[in-house]
Amino acid sequence: MQTIAQQWIGFEKAVMPATAGSLQRNEMRRAFYAGFAAALAAGLDMADESGENDDIGATMWQRLHEECAQFGRDIQAGRA
């Protein structure tokens, strides 16, 4: 399992322009960690809401997956 820091390094290499300054790099890193924290909080909330029902939890994760996929399509289409 990769740590959040290791995932950040991969993300940074994939999307950060070589010309990015320290301010942009710091803000992107903060946003990356904030996104991870939000996803973790959502996962914990879903665990509380779904209790022992795996189908409910799976449905919640599927909805979040679909939202992320739509956002990716919106980025590619220039809408986000």
PDB file of N, CA and C in Angstrom:
ATOM      1  N   MET A   1       0.839  -1.179   0.000  1.00  0.00           N
ATOM      2  CA  MET A   1       0.000   0.000   0.000  1.00  0.00           C
ATOM      3  C   MET A   1       0.887   1.247   0.000  1.00  0.00           C
ATOM      4  N   GLN A   2       0.550   2.192  -0.842  1.00  0.00           N
ATOM      5  CA  GLN A   2       1.298   3.445  -0.888  1.00  0.00           C
ATOM      6  C   GLN A   2       0.789   4.410   0.176  1.00  0.00           C
ATOM      7  N   THR A   3       1.707   5.172   0.739  1.00  0.00           N
ATOM      8  CA  THR A   3       1.306   6.235   1.658  1.00  0.00           C
ATOM      9  C   THR A   3       0.715   7.395   0.851  1.00  0.00           C
ATOM     10  N   ILE A   4       0.090   8.317   1.539  1.00  0.00           N
ATOM     11  CA  ILE A   4      -0.440   9.511   0.864  1.00  0.00           C
ATOM     12  C   ILE A   4       0.713  10.286   0.238  1.00  0.00           C
ATOM     13  N   ALA A   5       1.827  10.371   0.949  1.00  0.00           N
ATOM     14  CA  ALA A   5       2.996  11.086   0.423  1.00  0.00           C
ATOM     15  C   ALA A   5       3.505  10.444  -0.866  1.00  0.00           C
ATOM     16  N   GLN A   6       3.520   9.122  -0.921  1.00  0.00           N
ATOM     17  CA  GLN A   6       3.961   8.440  -2.133  1.00  0.00           C
ATOM     18  C   GLN A   6       2.977   8.674  -3.282  1.00  0.00           C
ATOM     19  N   GLN A   7       1.694   8.681  -2.969  1.00  0.00           N
ATOM     20  CA  GLN A   7       0.689   8.959  -3.997  1.00  0.00           C
ATOM     21  C   GLN A   7       0.835  10.395  -4.501  1.00  0.00           C
ATOM     22  N   TRP A   8       1.134  11.322  -3.592  1.00  0.00           N
ATOM     23  CA  TRP A   8       1.348  12.710  -4.003  1.00  0.00           C
ATOM     24  C   TRP A   8       2.507  12.804  -4.993  1.00  0.00           C
ATOM     25  N   ILE A   9       3.589  12.114  -4.710  1.00  0.00           N
ATOM     26  CA  ILE A   9       4.757  12.161  -5.600  1.00  0.00           C
ATOM     27  C   ILE A   9       4.379  11.698  -6.999  1.00  0.00           C
ATOM     28  N   GLY A  10       3.636  10.608  -7.093  1.00  0.00           N
ATOM     29  CA  GLY A  10       3.187  10.131  -8.400  1.00  0.00           C
ATOM     30  C   GLY A  10       2.274  11.117  -9.094  1.00  0.00           C
ATOM     31  N   PHE A  11       1.355  11.698  -8.340  1.00  0.00           N
ATOM     32  CA  PHE A  11       0.435  12.695  -8.887  1.00  0.00           C
ATOM     33  C   PHE A  11       1.214  13.918  -9.361  1.00  0.00           C
ATOM     34  N   GLU A  12       2.126  14.384  -8.529  1.00  0.00           N
ATOM     35  CA  GLU A  12       2.925  15.560  -8.869  1.00  0.00           C
ATOM     36  C   GLU A  12       3.702  15.339 -10.166  1.00  0.00           C
ATOM     37  N   LYS A  13       4.311  14.188 -10.307  1.00  0.00           N
ATOM     38  CA  LYS A  13       5.073  13.877 -11.525  1.00  0.00           C
ATOM     39  C   LYS A  13       4.166  13.824 -12.750  1.00  0.00           C
ATOM     40  N   ALA A  14       2.939  13.355 -12.542  1.00  0.00           N
ATOM     41  CA  ALA A  14       2.018  13.186 -13.666  1.00  0.00           C
ATOM     42  C   ALA A  14       1.398  14.498 -14.133  1.00  0.00           C
ATOM     43  N   VAL A  15       1.168  15.440 -13.224  1.00  0.00           N
ATOM     44  CA  VAL A  15       0.386  16.621 -13.614  1.00  0.00           C
ATOM     45  C   VAL A  15       1.071  17.965 -13.399  1.00  0.00           C
ATOM     46  N   MET A  16       2.089  18.019 -12.598  1.00  0.00           N
ATOM     47  CA  MET A  16       2.701  19.318 -12.271  1.00  0.00           C
ATOM     48  C   MET A  16       3.684  19.726 -13.354  1.00  0.00           C
ATOM     49  N   PRO A  17       3.500  20.912 -13.935  1.00  0.00           N
ATOM     50  CA  PRO A  17       4.466  21.364 -14.936  1.00  0.00           C
ATOM     51  C   PRO A  17       5.840  21.601 -14.298  1.00  0.00           C
ATOM     52  N   ALA A  18       6.883  21.344 -15.051  1.00  0.00           N
ATOM     53  CA  ALA A  18       8.247  21.537 -14.546  1.00  0.00           C
ATOM     54  C   ALA A  18       8.501  22.986 -14.155  1.00  0.00           C
ATOM     55  N   THR A  19       7.740  23.897 -14.738  1.00  0.00           N
ATOM     56  CA  THR A  19       7.931  25.326 -14.469  1.00  0.00           C
ATOM     57  C   THR A  19       7.124  25.817 -13.269  1.00  0.00           C
ATOM     58  N   ALA A  20       6.420  24.924 -12.608  1.00  0.00           N
ATOM     59  CA  ALA A  20       5.588  25.330 -11.470  1.00  0.00           C
ATOM     60  C   ALA A  20       6.461  25.896 -10.355  1.00  0.00           C
ATOM     61  N   GLY A  21       5.993  26.989  -9.794  1.00  0.00           N
ATOM     62  CA  GLY A  21       6.708  27.606  -8.688  1.00  0.00           C
ATOM     63  C   GLY A  21       6.356  26.959  -7.360  1.00  0.00           C
ATOM     64  N   SER A  22       7.018  27.387  -6.315  1.00  0.00           N
ATOM     65  CA  SER A  22       6.796  26.783  -5.001  1.00  0.00           C
ATOM     66  C   SER A  22       5.384  27.047  -4.482  1.00  0.00           C
ATOM     67  N   LEU A  23       4.810  28.219  -4.783  1.00  0.00           N
ATOM     68  CA  LEU A  23       3.449  28.510  -4.336  1.00  0.00           C
ATOM     69  C   LEU A  23       2.459  27.543  -4.979  1.00  0.00           C
ATOM     70  N   GLN A  24       2.563  27.349  -6.284  1.00  0.00           N
ATOM     71  CA  GLN A  24       1.662  26.424  -6.974  1.00  0.00           C
ATOM     72  C   GLN A  24       1.849  25.011  -6.445  1.00  0.00           C
ATOM     73  N   ARG A  25       3.090  24.606  -6.243  1.00  0.00           N
ATOM     74  CA  ARG A  25       3.386  23.270  -5.740  1.00  0.00           C
ATOM     75  C   ARG A  25       2.780  23.067  -4.345  1.00  0.00           C
ATOM     76  N   ASN A  26       2.948  24.050  -3.470  1.00  0.00           N
ATOM     77  CA  ASN A  26       2.397  23.952  -2.110  1.00  0.00           C
ATOM     78  C   ASN A  26       0.874  23.917  -2.124  1.00  0.00           C
ATOM     79  N   GLU A  27       0.256  24.773  -2.937  1.00  0.00           N
ATOM     80  CA  GLU A  27      -1.203  24.801  -3.005  1.00  0.00           C
ATOM     81  C   GLU A  27      -1.764  23.492  -3.573  1.00  0.00           C
ATOM     82  N   MET A  28      -1.095  22.940  -4.583  1.00  0.00           N
ATOM     83  CA  MET A  28      -1.537  21.673  -5.157  1.00  0.00           C
ATOM     84  C   MET A  28      -1.390  20.540  -4.137  1.00  0.00           C
ATOM     85  N   ARG A  29      -0.306  20.555  -3.394  1.00  0.00           N
ATOM     86  CA  ARG A  29      -0.103  19.517  -2.376  1.00  0.00           C
ATOM     87  C   ARG A  29      -1.170  19.629  -1.296  1.00  0.00           C
ATOM     88  N   ARG A  30      -1.459  20.831  -0.866  1.00  0.00           N
ATOM     89  CA  ARG A  30      -2.521  21.024   0.129  1.00  0.00           C
ATOM     90  C   ARG A  30      -3.867  20.547  -0.396  1.00  0.00           C
ATOM     91  N   ALA A  31      -4.165  20.864  -1.637  1.00  0.00           N
ATOM     92  CA  ALA A  31      -5.432  20.429  -2.240  1.00  0.00           C
ATOM     93  C   ALA A  31      -5.470  18.902  -2.352  1.00  0.00           C
ATOM     94  N   PHE A  32      -4.341  18.290  -2.694  1.00  0.00           N
ATOM     95  CA  PHE A  32      -4.270  16.833  -2.806  1.00  0.00           C
ATOM     96  C   PHE A  32      -4.572  16.185  -1.458  1.00  0.00           C
ATOM     97  N   TYR A  33      -3.932  16.660  -0.410  1.00  0.00           N
ATOM     98  CA  TYR A  33      -4.168  16.109   0.922  1.00  0.00           C
ATOM     99  C   TYR A  33      -5.592  16.402   1.396  1.00  0.00           C
ATOM    100  N   ALA A  34      -6.105  17.567   1.082  1.00  0.00           N
ATOM    101  CA  ALA A  34      -7.484  17.891   1.461  1.00  0.00           C
ATOM    102  C   ALA A  34      -8.463  16.957   0.756  1.00  0.00           C
ATOM    103  N   GLY A  35      -8.198  16.665  -0.496  1.00  0.00           N
ATOM    104  CA  GLY A  35      -9.041  15.725  -1.229  1.00  0.00           C
ATOM    105  C   GLY A  35      -8.994  14.341  -0.620  1.00  0.00           C
ATOM    106  N   PHE A  36      -7.810  13.917  -0.220  1.00  0.00           N
ATOM    107  CA  PHE A  36      -7.692  12.610   0.416  1.00  0.00           C
ATOM    108  C   PHE A  36      -8.443  12.600   1.742  1.00  0.00           C
ATOM    109  N   ALA A  37      -8.302  13.668   2.520  1.00  0.00           N
ATOM    110  CA  ALA A  37      -9.002  13.746   3.807  1.00  0.00           C
ATOM    111  C   ALA A  37     -10.511  13.721   3.609  1.00  0.00           C
ATOM    112  N   ALA A  38     -10.995  14.407   2.579  1.00  0.00           N
ATOM    113  CA  ALA A  38     -12.435  14.417   2.292  1.00  0.00           C
ATOM    114  C   ALA A  38     -12.913  13.028   1.895  1.00  0.00           C
ATOM    115  N   ALA A  39     -12.117  12.321   1.087  1.00  0.00           N
ATOM    116  CA  ALA A  39     -12.488  10.966   0.680  1.00  0.00           C
ATOM    117  C   ALA A  39     -12.489  10.021   1.880  1.00  0.00           C
ATOM    118  N   LEU A  40     -11.517  10.177   2.754  1.00  0.00           N
ATOM    119  CA  LEU A  40     -11.454   9.351   3.952  1.00  0.00           C
ATOM    120  C   LEU A  40     -12.669   9.613   4.845  1.00  0.00           C
ATOM    121  N   ALA A  41     -13.014  10.882   5.029  1.00  0.00           N
ATOM    122  CA  ALA A  41     -14.179  11.232   5.833  1.00  0.00           C
ATOM    123  C   ALA A  41     -15.457  10.675   5.222  1.00  0.00           C
ATOM    124  N   ALA A  42     -15.557  10.742   3.899  1.00  0.00           N
ATOM    125  CA  ALA A  42     -16.735  10.193   3.216  1.00  0.00           C
ATOM    126  C   ALA A  42     -16.820   8.688   3.440  1.00  0.00           C
ATOM    127  N   GLY A  43     -15.689   8.016   3.362  1.00  0.00           N
ATOM    128  CA  GLY A  43     -15.659   6.573   3.589  1.00  0.00           C
ATOM    129  C   GLY A  43     -16.085   6.215   4.996  1.00  0.00           C
ATOM    130  N   LEU A  44     -15.629   6.986   5.963  1.00  0.00           N
ATOM    131  CA  LEU A  44     -16.029   6.733   7.350  1.00  0.00           C
ATOM    132  C   LEU A  44     -17.519   7.002   7.547  1.00  0.00           C
ATOM    133  N   ASP A  45     -18.018   8.070   6.936  1.00  0.00           N
ATOM    134  CA  ASP A  45     -19.456   8.367   7.008  1.00  0.00           C
ATOM    135  C   ASP A  45     -20.272   7.235   6.387  1.00  0.00           C
ATOM    136  N   MET A  46     -19.814   6.743   5.243  1.00  0.00           N
ATOM    137  CA  MET A  46     -20.536   5.657   4.580  1.00  0.00           C
ATOM    138  C   MET A  46     -20.545   4.404   5.441  1.00  0.00           C
ATOM    139  N   ALA A  47     -19.434   4.142   6.108  1.00  0.00           N
ATOM    140  CA  ALA A  47     -19.383   2.970   6.980  1.00  0.00           C
ATOM    141  C   ALA A  47     -20.397   3.112   8.103  1.00  0.00           C
ATOM    142  N   ASP A  48     -20.513   4.320   8.654  1.00  0.00           N
ATOM    143  CA  ASP A  48     -21.502   4.566   9.711  1.00  0.00           C
ATOM    144  C   ASP A  48     -22.923   4.427   9.178  1.00  0.00           C
ATOM    145  N   GLU A  49     -23.178   4.987   7.992  1.00  0.00           N
ATOM    146  CA  GLU A  49     -24.524   4.988   7.418  1.00  0.00           C
ATOM    147  C   GLU A  49     -24.961   3.601   6.949  1.00  0.00           C
ATOM    148  N   SER A  50     -24.029   2.854   6.387  1.00  0.00           N
ATOM    149  CA  SER A  50     -24.410   1.563   5.833  1.00  0.00           C
ATOM    150  C   SER A  50     -24.401   0.454   6.883  1.00  0.00           C
ATOM    151  N   GLY A  51     -23.709   0.692   7.998  1.00  0.00           N
ATOM    152  CA  GLY A  51     -23.647  -0.314   9.044  1.00  0.00           C
ATOM    153  C   GLY A  51     -23.072  -1.607   8.516  1.00  0.00           C
ATOM    154  N   GLU A  52     -23.802  -2.675   8.676  1.00  0.00           N
ATOM    155  CA  GLU A  52     -23.346  -3.993   8.225  1.00  0.00           C
ATOM    156  C   GLU A  52     -23.814  -4.313   6.807  1.00  0.00           C
ATOM    157  N   ASN A  53     -24.539  -3.392   6.167  1.00  0.00           N
ATOM    158  CA  ASN A  53     -25.114  -3.661   4.857  1.00  0.00           C
ATOM    159  C   ASN A  53     -24.112  -3.306   3.754  1.00  0.00           C
ATOM    160  N   ASP A  54     -23.459  -4.316   3.194  1.00  0.00           N
ATOM    161  CA  ASP A  54     -22.449  -4.100   2.154  1.00  0.00           C
ATOM    162  C   ASP A  54     -23.043  -3.535   0.873  1.00  0.00           C
ATOM    163  N   ASP A  55     -24.290  -3.887   0.576  1.00  0.00           N
ATOM    164  CA  ASP A  55     -24.927  -3.384  -0.647  1.00  0.00           C
ATOM    165  C   ASP A  55     -25.099  -1.872  -0.581  1.00  0.00           C
ATOM    166  N   ILE A  56     -25.491  -1.346   0.563  1.00  0.00           N
ATOM    167  CA  ILE A  56     -25.647   0.103   0.713  1.00  0.00           C
ATOM    168  C   ILE A  56     -24.292   0.786   0.567  1.00  0.00           C
ATOM    169  N   GLY A  57     -23.276   0.240   1.221  1.00  0.00           N
ATOM    170  CA  GLY A  57     -21.933   0.813   1.116  1.00  0.00           C
ATOM    171  C   GLY A  57     -21.417   0.781  -0.308  1.00  0.00           C
ATOM    172  N   ALA A  58     -21.645  -0.317  -1.002  1.00  0.00           N
ATOM    173  CA  ALA A  58     -21.196  -0.432  -2.395  1.00  0.00           C
ATOM    174  C   ALA A  58     -21.905   0.584  -3.275  1.00  0.00           C
ATOM    175  N   THR A  59     -23.194   0.794  -3.035  1.00  0.00           N
ATOM    176  CA  THR A  59     -23.950   1.778  -3.809  1.00  0.00           C
ATOM    177  C   THR A  59     -23.409   3.183  -3.578  1.00  0.00           C
ATOM    178  N   MET A  60     -23.078   3.497  -2.332  1.00  0.00           N
ATOM    179  CA  MET A  60     -22.524   4.820  -2.018  1.00  0.00           C
ATOM    180  C   MET A  60     -21.187   5.026  -2.714  1.00  0.00           C
ATOM    181  N   TRP A  61     -20.312   4.007  -2.659  1.00  0.00           N
ATOM    182  CA  TRP A  61     -19.011   4.115  -3.333  1.00  0.00           C
ATOM    183  C   TRP A  61     -19.193   4.243  -4.847  1.00  0.00           C
ATOM    184  N   GLN A  62     -20.158   3.523  -5.403  1.00  0.00           N
ATOM    185  CA  GLN A  62     -20.426   3.595  -6.837  1.00  0.00           C
ATOM    186  C   GLN A  62     -20.849   5.009  -7.235  1.00  0.00           C
ATOM    187  N   ARG A  63     -21.682   5.638  -6.435  1.00  0.00           N
ATOM    188  CA  ARG A  63     -22.117   7.012  -6.732  1.00  0.00           C
ATOM    189  C   ARG A  63     -20.937   7.980  -6.735  1.00  0.00           C
ATOM    190  N   LEU A  64     -20.036   7.830  -5.757  1.00  0.00           N
ATOM    191  CA  LEU A  64     -18.856   8.697  -5.726  1.00  0.00           C
ATOM    192  C   LEU A  64     -17.941   8.425  -6.914  1.00  0.00           C
ATOM    193  N   HIS A  65     -17.811   7.170  -7.274  1.00  0.00           N
ATOM    194  CA  HIS A  65     -17.003   6.809  -8.441  1.00  0.00           C
ATOM    195  C   HIS A  65     -17.584   7.459  -9.699  1.00  0.00           C
ATOM    196  N   GLU A  66     -18.882   7.373  -9.862  1.00  0.00           N
ATOM    197  CA  GLU A  66     -19.536   7.967 -11.034  1.00  0.00           C
ATOM    198  C   GLU A  66     -19.369   9.483 -11.054  1.00  0.00           C
ATOM    199  N   GLU A  67     -19.434  10.110  -9.878  1.00  0.00           N
ATOM    200  CA  GLU A  67     -19.241  11.568  -9.812  1.00  0.00           C
ATOM    201  C   GLU A  67     -17.820  11.938 -10.247  1.00  0.00           C
ATOM    202  N   CYS A  68     -16.837  11.189  -9.788  1.00  0.00           N
ATOM    203  CA  CYS A  68     -15.448  11.450 -10.193  1.00  0.00           C
ATOM    204  C   CYS A  68     -15.254  11.218 -11.685  1.00  0.00           C
ATOM    205  N   ALA A  69     -15.846  10.157 -12.203  1.00  0.00           N
ATOM    206  CA  ALA A  69     -15.728   9.872 -13.632  1.00  0.00           C
ATOM    207  C   ALA A  69     -16.352  10.989 -14.458  1.00  0.00           C
ATOM    208  N   GLN A  70     -17.493  11.490 -14.016  1.00  0.00           N
ATOM    209  CA  GLN A  70     -18.136  12.595 -14.729  1.00  0.00           C
ATOM    210  C   GLN A  70     -17.270  13.844 -14.687  1.00  0.00           C
ATOM    211  N   PHE A  71     -16.651  14.107 -13.547  1.00  0.00           N
ATOM    212  CA  PHE A  71     -15.769  15.266 -13.439  1.00  0.00           C
ATOM    213  C   PHE A  71     -14.600  15.139 -14.410  1.00  0.00           C
ATOM    214  N   GLY A  72     -14.047  13.933 -14.543  1.00  0.00           N
ATOM    215  CA  GLY A  72     -12.967  13.699 -15.502  1.00  0.00           C
ATOM    216  C   GLY A  72     -13.431  13.973 -16.925  1.00  0.00           C
ATOM    217  N   ARG A  73     -14.635  13.538 -17.252  1.00  0.00           N
ATOM    218  CA  ARG A  73     -15.170  13.822 -18.599  1.00  0.00           C
ATOM    219  C   ARG A  73     -15.397  15.315 -18.787  1.00  0.00           C
ATOM    220  N   ASP A  74     -15.832  15.993 -17.738  1.00  0.00           N
ATOM    221  CA  ASP A  74     -16.031  17.445 -17.814  1.00  0.00           C
ATOM    222  C   ASP A  74     -14.712  18.163 -18.026  1.00  0.00           C
ATOM    223  N   ILE A  75     -13.649  17.699 -17.384  1.00  0.00           N
ATOM    224  CA  ILE A  75     -12.334  18.293 -17.604  1.00  0.00           C
ATOM    225  C   ILE A  75     -11.917  18.130 -19.051  1.00  0.00           C
ATOM    226  N   GLN A  76     -12.066  16.922 -19.574  1.00  0.00           N
ATOM    227  CA  GLN A  76     -11.669  16.664 -20.964  1.00  0.00           C
ATOM    228  C   GLN A  76     -12.484  17.498 -21.950  1.00  0.00           C
ATOM    229  N   ALA A  77     -13.737  17.779 -21.598  1.00  0.00           N
ATOM    230  CA  ALA A  77     -14.599  18.558 -22.478  1.00  0.00           C
ATOM    231  C   ALA A  77     -14.455  20.062 -22.257  1.00  0.00           C
ATOM    232  N   GLY A  78     -13.600  20.459 -21.297  1.00  0.00           N
ATOM    233  CA  GLY A  78     -13.394  21.882 -21.032  1.00  0.00           C
ATOM    234  C   GLY A  78     -14.499  22.521 -20.197  1.00  0.00           C
ATOM    235  N   ARG A  79     -15.285  21.704 -19.501  1.00  0.00           N
ATOM    236  CA  ARG A  79     -16.367  22.239 -18.668  1.00  0.00           C
ATOM    237  C   ARG A  79     -15.968  22.369 -17.204  1.00  0.00           C
ATOM    238  N   ALA A  80     -14.803  21.887 -16.848  1.00  0.00           N
ATOM    239  CA  ALA A  80     -14.376  21.948 -15.430  1.00  0.00           C
ATOM    240  C   ALA A  80     -12.910  22.343 -15.342  1.00  0.00           C
TER     241      ALA A  80
END
